[in-house]
Amino acid sequence: MKPQNYILVLFIAITCSMCNSSKKEDKIVIEKNASTEKEHHHALTEADSLKLVNHQIEVKGEIEFPLQLSIDSLQKMKVATISNFKIIGQNGDVKKDNKISKGVLLKDILEKAKIKQKDHKDRNFYIVARASDDYKATFSWAEIFNNPTGENTYVLFEENGKPIKNGEMVLICKNDVKTGPRHVYWLKSIEVYRVK
């Protein structure tokens, strides 16, 4: 093969490989954008929001006593009053400002359900709060039972003296810097899993 032909073949090979890597990068960017969109609640019409409302939340997974909790059953537990709670989005904007809310600590709910611990050193669990639209917020066992987060994470059933609009029950974490990402509307279930 002549040197000129060798250079021409090499040039074509390099050009083709650059085209393919550019297409791969485009695909990765598109996939990242699609996954970012899934992480946020989308604005819904009032009718669509009503379809996502749950009248009970299910507590399930690695627990001794599975629970079905309604507003009535939450009101029979130790109810806390939360004052001046702001929902702050990822960009720092205040999305909502509740002057007064009522709810029950997630920790109290989990203690009632009783996580299946083999002994006091068995702590490798995580908790998923799942919404009807499959939005999820997660917590570790240590956050809830060995951290101030446990005294600041609630399942709310009342905001500003009224029932909650976006679902009957909402999960919040009061001590997060940005409270929006772990603010779960249309709460459907609280799930306990063992880390494997």
N, C-alpha and C. Protein backbone atom coordinates (compact mmCIF):
# COMPACT_ATOMS: atom_id res chain seq x y z
N MET A 1 0.85 -1.18 0.00
CA MET A 1 0.00 0.00 0.00
C MET A 1 0.89 1.24 0.00
N LYS A 2 0.53 2.21 -0.85
CA LYS A 2 1.30 3.45 -0.94
C LYS A 2 1.08 4.29 0.31
N PRO A 3 2.09 5.07 0.71
CA PRO A 3 1.96 5.90 1.92
C PRO A 3 0.76 6.84 1.85
N GLN A 4 0.45 7.38 0.64
CA GLN A 4 -0.68 8.31 0.52
C GLN A 4 -2.00 7.59 0.82
N ASN A 5 -2.12 6.35 0.29
CA ASN A 5 -3.35 5.58 0.53
C ASN A 5 -3.48 5.21 2.01
N TYR A 6 -2.36 4.87 2.64
CA TYR A 6 -2.36 4.53 4.07
C TYR A 6 -2.86 5.72 4.89
N ILE A 7 -2.37 6.91 4.58
CA ILE A 7 -2.77 8.14 5.30
C ILE A 7 -4.26 8.41 5.08
N LEU A 8 -4.73 8.21 3.83
CA LEU A 8 -6.14 8.43 3.51
C LEU A 8 -7.04 7.47 4.31
N VAL A 9 -6.67 6.17 4.36
CA VAL A 9 -7.45 5.19 5.12
C VAL A 9 -7.45 5.54 6.61
N LEU A 10 -6.31 5.93 7.15
CA LEU A 10 -6.20 6.33 8.55
C LEU A 10 -7.08 7.54 8.84
N PHE A 11 -7.07 8.53 7.94
CA PHE A 11 -7.88 9.74 8.10
C PHE A 11 -9.37 9.39 8.14
N ILE A 12 -9.81 8.51 7.23
CA ILE A 12 -11.22 8.11 7.18
C ILE A 12 -11.61 7.37 8.46
N ALA A 13 -10.73 6.49 8.94
CA ALA A 13 -11.01 5.73 10.17
C ALA A 13 -11.16 6.67 11.37
N ILE A 14 -10.29 7.65 11.48
CA ILE A 14 -10.34 8.61 12.60
C ILE A 14 -11.62 9.44 12.52
N THR A 15 -11.97 9.88 11.31
CA THR A 15 -13.18 10.69 11.13
C THR A 15 -14.42 9.91 11.53
N CYS A 16 -14.49 8.64 11.10
CA CYS A 16 -15.66 7.80 11.46
C CYS A 16 -15.75 7.59 12.96
N SER A 17 -14.62 7.35 13.61
CA SER A 17 -14.67 7.12 15.06
C SER A 17 -15.09 8.38 15.81
N MET A 18 -14.69 9.56 15.30
CA MET A 18 -15.11 10.81 15.94
C MET A 18 -16.61 11.02 15.79
N CYS A 19 -17.15 10.67 14.62
CA CYS A 19 -18.61 10.78 14.41
C CYS A 19 -19.36 9.89 15.40
N ASN A 20 -18.90 8.67 15.56
CA ASN A 20 -19.56 7.73 16.47
C ASN A 20 -19.49 8.20 17.91
N SER A 21 -18.33 8.73 18.34
CA SER A 21 -18.22 9.18 19.74
C SER A 21 -19.10 10.40 19.95
N SER A 22 -19.26 11.26 18.93
CA SER A 22 -20.13 12.41 19.06
C SER A 22 -21.58 11.97 19.24
N LYS A 23 -21.99 10.92 18.50
CA LYS A 23 -23.36 10.41 18.65
C LYS A 23 -23.56 9.82 20.05
N LYS A 24 -22.54 9.13 20.58
CA LYS A 24 -22.63 8.57 21.93
C LYS A 24 -22.80 9.69 22.96
N GLU A 25 -22.03 10.78 22.80
CA GLU A 25 -22.13 11.90 23.73
C GLU A 25 -23.52 12.51 23.68
N ASP A 26 -24.09 12.67 22.45
CA ASP A 26 -25.44 13.20 22.31
C ASP A 26 -26.43 12.32 23.05
N LYS A 27 -26.28 11.00 22.91
CA LYS A 27 -27.19 10.06 23.56
C LYS A 27 -27.09 10.17 25.08
N ILE A 28 -25.87 10.30 25.60
CA ILE A 28 -25.67 10.43 27.04
C ILE A 28 -26.33 11.70 27.55
N VAL A 29 -26.18 12.82 26.82
CA VAL A 29 -26.79 14.09 27.23
C VAL A 29 -28.31 13.96 27.25
N ILE A 30 -28.87 13.33 26.21
CA ILE A 30 -30.32 13.14 26.16
C ILE A 30 -30.79 12.28 27.32
N GLU A 31 -30.07 11.18 27.62
CA GLU A 31 -30.45 10.32 28.74
C GLU A 31 -30.37 11.06 30.06
N LYS A 32 -29.34 11.89 30.24
CA LYS A 32 -29.22 12.66 31.49
C LYS A 32 -30.39 13.62 31.63
N ASN A 33 -30.76 14.31 30.54
CA ASN A 33 -31.88 15.24 30.60
C ASN A 33 -33.17 14.51 30.95
N ALA A 34 -33.38 13.34 30.37
CA ALA A 34 -34.60 12.57 30.65
C ALA A 34 -34.64 12.14 32.10
N SER A 35 -33.50 11.70 32.67
CA SER A 35 -33.50 11.26 34.07
C SER A 35 -33.68 12.44 35.01
N THR A 36 -33.17 13.63 34.65
CA THR A 36 -33.35 14.82 35.49
C THR A 36 -34.82 15.19 35.56
N GLU A 37 -35.53 15.07 34.44
CA GLU A 37 -36.94 15.41 34.44
C GLU A 37 -37.74 14.50 35.35
N LYS A 38 -37.36 13.24 35.48
CA LYS A 38 -38.08 12.28 36.31
C LYS A 38 -37.93 12.60 37.79
N GLU A 39 -36.90 13.34 38.17
CA GLU A 39 -36.63 13.59 39.58
C GLU A 39 -37.57 14.62 40.19
N HIS A 40 -38.33 15.35 39.38
CA HIS A 40 -39.16 16.44 39.89
C HIS A 40 -40.63 16.18 39.62
N HIS A 41 -41.48 16.69 40.54
CA HIS A 41 -42.91 16.63 40.30
C HIS A 41 -43.23 17.56 39.14
N HIS A 42 -44.09 17.13 38.24
CA HIS A 42 -44.53 18.00 37.15
C HIS A 42 -45.81 18.69 37.59
N ALA A 43 -46.04 19.89 37.05
CA ALA A 43 -47.28 20.60 37.36
C ALA A 43 -48.45 19.81 36.79
N LEU A 44 -49.46 19.58 37.62
CA LEU A 44 -50.62 18.80 37.21
C LEU A 44 -51.88 19.63 37.33
N THR A 45 -52.88 19.26 36.55
CA THR A 45 -54.18 19.90 36.70
C THR A 45 -54.80 19.42 38.00
N GLU A 46 -55.82 20.11 38.46
CA GLU A 46 -56.48 19.71 39.70
C GLU A 46 -57.10 18.32 39.58
N ALA A 47 -57.66 18.01 38.39
CA ALA A 47 -58.26 16.69 38.16
C ALA A 47 -57.20 15.59 38.22
N ASP A 48 -56.03 15.84 37.61
CA ASP A 48 -54.94 14.85 37.65
C ASP A 48 -54.43 14.67 39.08
N SER A 49 -54.35 15.76 39.81
CA SER A 49 -53.89 15.70 41.20
C SER A 49 -54.84 14.84 42.04
N LEU A 50 -56.15 14.97 41.80
CA LEU A 50 -57.13 14.18 42.55
C LEU A 50 -56.97 12.68 42.31
N LYS A 51 -56.54 12.30 41.10
CA LYS A 51 -56.34 10.89 40.78
C LYS A 51 -55.19 10.28 41.59
N LEU A 52 -54.26 11.14 42.05
CA LEU A 52 -53.09 10.66 42.78
C LEU A 52 -53.30 10.61 44.30
N VAL A 53 -54.43 11.12 44.77
CA VAL A 53 -54.68 11.17 46.21
C VAL A 53 -54.87 9.77 46.77
N ASN A 54 -54.25 9.52 47.92
CA ASN A 54 -54.41 8.25 48.64
C ASN A 54 -55.12 8.55 49.96
N HIS A 55 -56.05 7.69 50.32
CA HIS A 55 -56.76 7.86 51.59
C HIS A 55 -56.06 7.09 52.71
N GLN A 56 -55.10 6.26 52.32
CA GLN A 56 -54.29 5.52 53.28
C GLN A 56 -52.86 5.44 52.77
N ILE A 57 -51.92 5.36 53.71
CA ILE A 57 -50.54 5.07 53.32
C ILE A 57 -50.18 3.71 53.91
N GLU A 58 -49.45 2.96 53.12
CA GLU A 58 -49.07 1.61 53.52
C GLU A 58 -47.65 1.64 54.08
N VAL A 59 -47.46 1.06 55.25
CA VAL A 59 -46.12 0.92 55.83
C VAL A 59 -45.77 -0.56 55.67
N LYS A 60 -44.69 -0.83 54.91
CA LYS A 60 -44.39 -2.22 54.56
C LYS A 60 -42.89 -2.44 54.43
N GLY A 61 -42.53 -3.69 54.16
CA GLY A 61 -41.13 -4.05 53.99
C GLY A 61 -40.62 -4.86 55.16
N GLU A 62 -39.41 -4.54 55.60
CA GLU A 62 -38.74 -5.28 56.68
C GLU A 62 -39.25 -4.81 58.05
N ILE A 63 -40.55 -5.06 58.26
CA ILE A 63 -41.17 -4.64 59.52
C ILE A 63 -41.99 -5.79 60.11
N GLU A 64 -42.20 -5.74 61.42
CA GLU A 64 -42.98 -6.78 62.11
C GLU A 64 -44.49 -6.60 61.90
N PHE A 65 -44.94 -5.33 61.88
CA PHE A 65 -46.37 -5.05 61.84
C PHE A 65 -46.70 -4.11 60.68
N PRO A 66 -47.06 -4.67 59.52
CA PRO A 66 -47.47 -3.81 58.40
C PRO A 66 -48.67 -2.95 58.80
N LEU A 67 -48.68 -1.70 58.34
CA LEU A 67 -49.73 -0.76 58.74
C LEU A 67 -50.42 -0.16 57.52
N GLN A 68 -51.68 0.18 57.68
CA GLN A 68 -52.43 1.01 56.75
C GLN A 68 -52.85 2.23 57.55
N LEU A 69 -52.28 3.39 57.25
CA LEU A 69 -52.54 4.59 58.04
C LEU A 69 -53.42 5.58 57.28
N SER A 70 -54.45 6.06 57.95
CA SER A 70 -55.31 7.10 57.40
C SER A 70 -55.12 8.35 58.26
N ILE A 71 -55.79 9.41 57.88
CA ILE A 71 -55.72 10.63 58.71
C ILE A 71 -56.24 10.33 60.11
N ASP A 72 -57.33 9.58 60.20
CA ASP A 72 -57.90 9.23 61.51
C ASP A 72 -56.90 8.48 62.38
N SER A 73 -56.20 7.49 61.78
CA SER A 73 -55.24 6.72 62.59
C SER A 73 -54.04 7.57 62.98
N LEU A 74 -53.63 8.51 62.12
CA LEU A 74 -52.53 9.41 62.49
C LEU A 74 -52.94 10.33 63.63
N GLN A 75 -54.18 10.80 63.60
CA GLN A 75 -54.67 11.71 64.65
C GLN A 75 -54.73 11.02 66.01
N LYS A 76 -54.77 9.69 66.02
CA LYS A 76 -54.80 8.94 67.29
C LYS A 76 -53.40 8.70 67.84
N MET A 77 -52.38 9.02 67.04
CA MET A 77 -51.00 8.89 67.50
C MET A 77 -50.56 10.20 68.15
N LYS A 78 -49.30 10.30 68.48
CA LYS A 78 -48.77 11.52 69.10
C LYS A 78 -48.62 12.59 68.00
N VAL A 79 -49.53 13.54 67.98
CA VAL A 79 -49.57 14.58 66.94
C VAL A 79 -48.68 15.75 67.35
N ALA A 80 -47.87 16.20 66.40
CA ALA A 80 -46.99 17.35 66.62
C ALA A 80 -47.49 18.53 65.80
N THR A 81 -47.25 19.72 66.33
CA THR A 81 -47.58 20.94 65.60
C THR A 81 -46.27 21.57 65.13
N ILE A 82 -46.18 21.85 63.84
CA ILE A 82 -44.96 22.40 63.24
C ILE A 82 -45.27 23.84 62.81
N SER A 83 -44.46 24.78 63.27
CA SER A 83 -44.69 26.18 62.95
C SER A 83 -43.68 26.67 61.91
N ASN A 84 -44.14 27.57 61.06
CA ASN A 84 -43.30 28.28 60.09
C ASN A 84 -42.38 27.35 59.29
N PHE A 85 -42.98 26.46 58.55
CA PHE A 85 -42.22 25.53 57.71
C PHE A 85 -42.27 25.99 56.26
N LYS A 86 -41.10 26.22 55.70
CA LYS A 86 -41.01 26.65 54.31
C LYS A 86 -40.52 25.50 53.43
N ILE A 87 -41.13 25.36 52.26
CA ILE A 87 -40.67 24.39 51.28
C ILE A 87 -39.77 25.15 50.31
N ILE A 88 -38.48 24.82 50.36
CA ILE A 88 -37.47 25.51 49.56
C ILE A 88 -36.99 24.58 48.46
N GLY A 89 -37.14 25.06 47.21
CA GLY A 89 -36.76 24.27 46.04
C GLY A 89 -35.25 24.16 45.88
N GLN A 90 -34.84 23.35 44.91
CA GLN A 90 -33.42 23.10 44.63
C GLN A 90 -32.67 24.39 44.31
N ASN A 91 -33.36 25.35 43.67
CA ASN A 91 -32.70 26.61 43.30
C ASN A 91 -32.77 27.67 44.41
N GLY A 92 -33.34 27.30 45.57
CA GLY A 92 -33.38 28.23 46.70
C GLY A 92 -34.66 29.03 46.82
N ASP A 93 -35.59 28.91 45.87
CA ASP A 93 -36.86 29.65 45.92
C ASP A 93 -37.79 29.03 46.96
N VAL A 94 -38.55 29.89 47.64
CA VAL A 94 -39.56 29.41 48.58
C VAL A 94 -40.79 29.02 47.76
N LYS A 95 -41.12 27.73 47.75
CA LYS A 95 -42.25 27.22 46.97
C LYS A 95 -43.56 27.31 47.75
N LYS A 96 -43.45 27.22 49.08
CA LYS A 96 -44.64 27.21 49.92
C LYS A 96 -44.24 27.63 51.32
N ASP A 97 -45.13 28.31 52.02
CA ASP A 97 -44.84 28.77 53.37
C ASP A 97 -46.02 28.40 54.26
N ASN A 98 -45.83 27.37 55.09
CA ASN A 98 -46.89 26.94 56.01
C ASN A 98 -46.66 27.58 57.37
N LYS A 99 -47.65 28.33 57.82
CA LYS A 99 -47.54 28.97 59.12
C LYS A 99 -47.67 27.93 60.24
N ILE A 100 -48.57 26.96 60.04
CA ILE A 100 -48.76 25.92 61.05
C ILE A 100 -49.22 24.63 60.36
N SER A 101 -48.61 23.52 60.75
CA SER A 101 -48.95 22.22 60.19
C SER A 101 -49.07 21.21 61.32
N LYS A 102 -49.80 20.12 61.04
CA LYS A 102 -49.92 19.05 62.03
C LYS A 102 -49.56 17.73 61.38
N GLY A 103 -48.87 16.89 62.17
CA GLY A 103 -48.48 15.59 61.64
C GLY A 103 -47.87 14.71 62.72
N VAL A 104 -47.34 13.57 62.28
CA VAL A 104 -46.75 12.57 63.18
C VAL A 104 -45.32 12.31 62.72
N LEU A 105 -44.42 12.15 63.66
CA LEU A 105 -43.03 11.85 63.31
C LEU A 105 -42.94 10.52 62.56
N LEU A 106 -42.15 10.50 61.50
CA LEU A 106 -41.88 9.25 60.78
C LEU A 106 -41.29 8.22 61.74
N LYS A 107 -40.45 8.69 62.64
CA LYS A 107 -39.82 7.81 63.64
C LYS A 107 -40.87 7.07 64.47
N ASP A 108 -41.93 7.78 64.89
CA ASP A 108 -43.00 7.16 65.68
C ASP A 108 -43.75 6.11 64.87
N ILE A 109 -43.96 6.40 63.59
CA ILE A 109 -44.64 5.43 62.70
C ILE A 109 -43.79 4.17 62.57
N LEU A 110 -42.49 4.35 62.36
CA LEU A 110 -41.59 3.20 62.20
C LEU A 110 -41.45 2.40 63.49
N GLU A 111 -41.49 3.09 64.62
CA GLU A 111 -41.44 2.37 65.90
C GLU A 111 -42.71 1.55 66.11
N LYS A 112 -43.84 2.06 65.66
CA LYS A 112 -45.09 1.31 65.75
C LYS A 112 -45.06 0.08 64.83
N ALA A 113 -44.49 0.24 63.64
CA ALA A 113 -44.39 -0.87 62.69
C ALA A 113 -43.30 -1.87 63.09
N LYS A 114 -42.30 -1.43 63.84
CA LYS A 114 -41.19 -2.22 64.36
C LYS A 114 -40.33 -2.86 63.27
N ILE A 115 -39.24 -2.21 62.97
CA ILE A 115 -38.28 -2.71 61.97
C ILE A 115 -37.70 -4.04 62.46
N LYS A 116 -37.55 -4.99 61.55
CA LYS A 116 -37.05 -6.34 61.88
C LYS A 116 -35.54 -6.34 62.11
N GLN A 117 -35.13 -5.88 63.28
CA GLN A 117 -33.71 -5.88 63.65
C GLN A 117 -33.39 -7.16 64.41
N LYS A 118 -32.29 -7.80 64.04
CA LYS A 118 -31.88 -9.04 64.71
C LYS A 118 -31.38 -8.76 66.12
N ASP A 119 -30.67 -7.64 66.26
CA ASP A 119 -30.18 -7.18 67.56
C ASP A 119 -29.90 -5.68 67.44
N HIS A 120 -29.39 -5.08 68.52
CA HIS A 120 -29.20 -3.62 68.52
C HIS A 120 -28.12 -3.14 67.54
N LYS A 121 -27.28 -4.05 67.05
CA LYS A 121 -26.24 -3.67 66.08
C LYS A 121 -26.74 -3.79 64.64
N ASP A 122 -27.91 -4.32 64.45
CA ASP A 122 -28.49 -4.53 63.12
C ASP A 122 -29.20 -3.24 62.69
N ARG A 123 -28.45 -2.38 61.99
CA ARG A 123 -28.97 -1.04 61.67
C ARG A 123 -28.90 -0.69 60.19
N ASN A 124 -28.58 -1.66 59.35
CA ASN A 124 -28.38 -1.37 57.92
C ASN A 124 -29.69 -1.44 57.14
N PHE A 125 -30.51 -0.40 57.34
CA PHE A 125 -31.80 -0.28 56.67
C PHE A 125 -31.90 1.09 56.01
N TYR A 126 -32.74 1.16 55.00
CA TYR A 126 -33.10 2.46 54.44
C TYR A 126 -34.61 2.51 54.26
N ILE A 127 -35.12 3.72 54.32
CA ILE A 127 -36.56 3.94 54.28
C ILE A 127 -36.88 4.76 53.04
N VAL A 128 -37.88 4.31 52.29
CA VAL A 128 -38.31 5.01 51.07
C VAL A 128 -39.73 5.53 51.30
N ALA A 129 -39.90 6.84 51.14
CA ALA A 129 -41.24 7.44 51.13
C ALA A 129 -41.61 7.60 49.66
N ARG A 130 -42.69 6.89 49.25
CA ARG A 130 -43.06 6.84 47.83
C ARG A 130 -44.41 7.52 47.61
N ALA A 131 -44.48 8.32 46.55
CA ALA A 131 -45.72 8.99 46.17
C ALA A 131 -46.45 8.20 45.09
N SER A 132 -47.71 8.55 44.85
CA SER A 132 -48.52 7.89 43.82
C SER A 132 -47.92 8.05 42.43
N ASP A 133 -47.22 9.17 42.19
CA ASP A 133 -46.59 9.38 40.88
C ASP A 133 -45.18 8.78 40.83
N ASP A 134 -44.83 7.97 41.84
CA ASP A 134 -43.56 7.26 41.98
C ASP A 134 -42.37 8.16 42.34
N TYR A 135 -42.64 9.40 42.74
CA TYR A 135 -41.59 10.24 43.30
C TYR A 135 -41.16 9.61 44.61
N LYS A 136 -39.87 9.64 44.91
CA LYS A 136 -39.36 8.97 46.11
C LYS A 136 -38.39 9.86 46.88
N ALA A 137 -38.41 9.71 48.20
CA ALA A 137 -37.40 10.33 49.06
C ALA A 137 -36.88 9.22 49.96
N THR A 138 -35.58 9.23 50.22
CA THR A 138 -34.99 8.15 51.02
C THR A 138 -34.31 8.67 52.28
N PHE A 139 -34.28 7.81 53.27
CA PHE A 139 -33.64 8.10 54.55
C PHE A 139 -32.91 6.83 55.00
N SER A 140 -31.83 7.01 55.72
CA SER A 140 -31.15 5.85 56.30
C SER A 140 -31.70 5.62 57.72
N TRP A 141 -31.48 4.40 58.24
CA TRP A 141 -31.87 4.09 59.61
C TRP A 141 -31.22 5.10 60.56
N ALA A 142 -29.93 5.38 60.33
CA ALA A 142 -29.19 6.29 61.23
C ALA A 142 -29.78 7.70 61.22
N GLU A 143 -30.22 8.18 60.06
CA GLU A 143 -30.83 9.52 60.00
C GLU A 143 -32.07 9.60 60.89
N ILE A 144 -32.87 8.56 60.86
CA ILE A 144 -34.13 8.59 61.60
C ILE A 144 -33.95 8.28 63.09
N PHE A 145 -33.05 7.35 63.43
CA PHE A 145 -32.95 6.90 64.82
C PHE A 145 -31.70 7.36 65.56
N ASN A 146 -30.77 8.02 64.86
CA ASN A 146 -29.53 8.43 65.53
C ASN A 146 -29.04 9.78 65.01
N ASN A 147 -29.98 10.68 64.76
CA ASN A 147 -29.64 11.94 64.12
C ASN A 147 -30.80 12.91 64.34
N PRO A 148 -30.55 14.22 64.37
CA PRO A 148 -31.66 15.18 64.52
C PRO A 148 -32.73 15.07 63.43
N THR A 149 -32.40 14.48 62.29
CA THR A 149 -33.39 14.30 61.22
C THR A 149 -34.60 13.52 61.73
N GLY A 150 -34.37 12.56 62.61
CA GLY A 150 -35.46 11.75 63.15
C GLY A 150 -36.49 12.56 63.92
N GLU A 151 -36.06 13.67 64.50
CA GLU A 151 -36.98 14.54 65.25
C GLU A 151 -37.55 15.65 64.38
N ASN A 152 -37.27 15.59 63.07
CA ASN A 152 -37.70 16.64 62.15
C ASN A 152 -38.33 16.12 60.86
N THR A 153 -38.64 14.83 60.81
CA THR A 153 -39.26 14.24 59.62
C THR A 153 -40.66 13.79 59.99
N TYR A 154 -41.65 14.35 59.29
CA TYR A 154 -43.05 14.16 59.65
C TYR A 154 -43.89 13.68 58.47
N VAL A 155 -44.97 12.98 58.81
CA VAL A 155 -46.06 12.76 57.86
C VAL A 155 -47.15 13.75 58.27
N LEU A 156 -47.38 14.74 57.43
CA LEU A 156 -48.37 15.79 57.73
C LEU A 156 -49.74 15.39 57.21
N PHE A 157 -50.77 15.85 57.91
CA PHE A 157 -52.15 15.67 57.43
C PHE A 157 -52.94 16.97 57.44
N GLU A 158 -52.31 18.06 57.92
CA GLU A 158 -52.99 19.35 57.97
C GLU A 158 -51.98 20.48 57.76
N GLU A 159 -52.35 21.46 56.92
CA GLU A 159 -51.51 22.63 56.69
C GLU A 159 -52.36 23.89 56.84
N ASN A 160 -51.91 24.82 57.67
CA ASN A 160 -52.61 26.08 57.90
C ASN A 160 -54.09 25.88 58.27
N GLY A 161 -54.34 24.86 59.12
CA GLY A 161 -55.69 24.61 59.61
C GLY A 161 -56.61 23.92 58.63
N LYS A 162 -56.09 23.49 57.47
CA LYS A 162 -56.94 22.86 56.44
C LYS A 162 -56.35 21.52 56.01
N PRO A 163 -57.20 20.65 55.45
CA PRO A 163 -56.66 19.41 54.89
C PRO A 163 -55.66 19.72 53.78
N ILE A 164 -54.73 18.82 53.54
CA ILE A 164 -53.69 19.03 52.53
C ILE A 164 -54.29 18.87 51.14
N LYS A 165 -53.92 19.77 50.24
CA LYS A 165 -54.48 19.75 48.88
C LYS A 165 -53.86 18.66 48.01
N ASN A 166 -52.54 18.58 47.95
CA ASN A 166 -51.87 17.62 47.07
C ASN A 166 -51.69 16.28 47.77
N GLY A 167 -52.80 15.56 47.92
CA GLY A 167 -52.76 14.30 48.64
C GLY A 167 -53.20 14.56 50.07
N GLU A 168 -53.74 13.55 50.70
CA GLU A 168 -54.22 13.75 52.07
C GLU A 168 -53.09 13.78 53.07
N MET A 169 -51.96 13.14 52.72
CA MET A 169 -50.82 13.09 53.62
C MET A 169 -49.54 13.39 52.84
N VAL A 170 -48.65 14.12 53.47
CA VAL A 170 -47.41 14.57 52.83
C VAL A 170 -46.25 14.28 53.78
N LEU A 171 -45.12 13.84 53.24
CA LEU A 171 -43.94 13.65 54.07
C LEU A 171 -43.01 14.85 53.89
N ILE A 172 -42.49 15.36 55.00
CA ILE A 172 -41.53 16.47 54.95
C ILE A 172 -40.33 16.15 55.84
N CYS A 173 -39.20 16.79 55.52
CA CYS A 173 -38.02 16.74 56.39
C CYS A 173 -37.65 18.18 56.70
N LYS A 174 -37.96 18.58 57.90
CA LYS A 174 -37.83 19.99 58.31
C LYS A 174 -36.40 20.50 58.39
N ASN A 175 -35.43 19.63 58.66
CA ASN A 175 -34.07 20.14 58.86
C ASN A 175 -33.18 20.06 57.63
N ASP A 176 -33.73 19.65 56.47
CA ASP A 176 -32.93 19.73 55.25
C ASP A 176 -32.71 21.20 54.89
N VAL A 177 -31.57 21.52 54.31
CA VAL A 177 -31.29 22.89 53.88
C VAL A 177 -32.29 23.28 52.79
N LYS A 178 -32.44 22.41 51.79
CA LYS A 178 -33.44 22.58 50.74
C LYS A 178 -34.50 21.52 50.98
N THR A 179 -35.65 21.96 51.48
CA THR A 179 -36.67 21.02 51.94
C THR A 179 -37.49 20.43 50.79
N GLY A 180 -37.43 21.02 49.62
CA GLY A 180 -38.22 20.54 48.48
C GLY A 180 -37.93 19.12 48.04
N PRO A 181 -36.67 18.73 47.84
CA PRO A 181 -36.38 17.38 47.32
C PRO A 181 -36.92 16.23 48.17
N ARG A 182 -37.06 16.41 49.48
CA ARG A 182 -37.62 15.32 50.29
C ARG A 182 -39.02 15.69 50.81
N HIS A 183 -39.73 16.47 50.03
CA HIS A 183 -41.11 16.85 50.32
C HIS A 183 -41.98 15.98 49.41
N VAL A 184 -42.64 14.98 49.95
CA VAL A 184 -43.35 13.98 49.13
C VAL A 184 -44.85 14.21 49.19
N TYR A 185 -45.40 14.81 48.12
CA TYR A 185 -46.85 14.94 47.95
C TYR A 185 -47.44 13.57 47.63
N TRP A 186 -48.76 13.43 47.77
CA TRP A 186 -49.48 12.20 47.38
C TRP A 186 -48.81 10.96 47.99
N LEU A 187 -48.43 11.06 49.25
CA LEU A 187 -47.72 9.95 49.90
C LEU A 187 -48.56 8.67 49.82
N LYS A 188 -47.94 7.62 49.33
CA LYS A 188 -48.62 6.34 49.09
C LYS A 188 -48.11 5.25 50.03
N SER A 189 -46.77 5.24 50.24
CA SER A 189 -46.21 4.17 51.08
C SER A 189 -44.92 4.61 51.74
N ILE A 190 -44.65 3.95 52.86
CA ILE A 190 -43.37 4.07 53.56
C ILE A 190 -42.80 2.65 53.56
N GLU A 191 -41.67 2.48 52.94
CA GLU A 191 -41.11 1.14 52.71
C GLU A 191 -39.75 1.02 53.39
N VAL A 192 -39.57 -0.07 54.10
CA VAL A 192 -38.32 -0.32 54.83
C VAL A 192 -37.58 -1.47 54.15
N TYR A 193 -36.33 -1.22 53.79
CA TYR A 193 -35.52 -2.24 53.11
C TYR A 193 -34.20 -2.42 53.85
N ARG A 194 -33.71 -3.64 53.83
CA ARG A 194 -32.41 -3.94 54.39
C ARG A 194 -31.34 -3.69 53.32
N VAL A 195 -30.26 -3.04 53.68
CA VAL A 195 -29.15 -2.82 52.74
C VAL A 195 -28.48 -4.17 52.50
N LYS A 196 -28.30 -4.53 51.23
CA LYS A 196 -27.70 -5.82 50.89
C LYS A 196 -26.33 -5.64 50.28
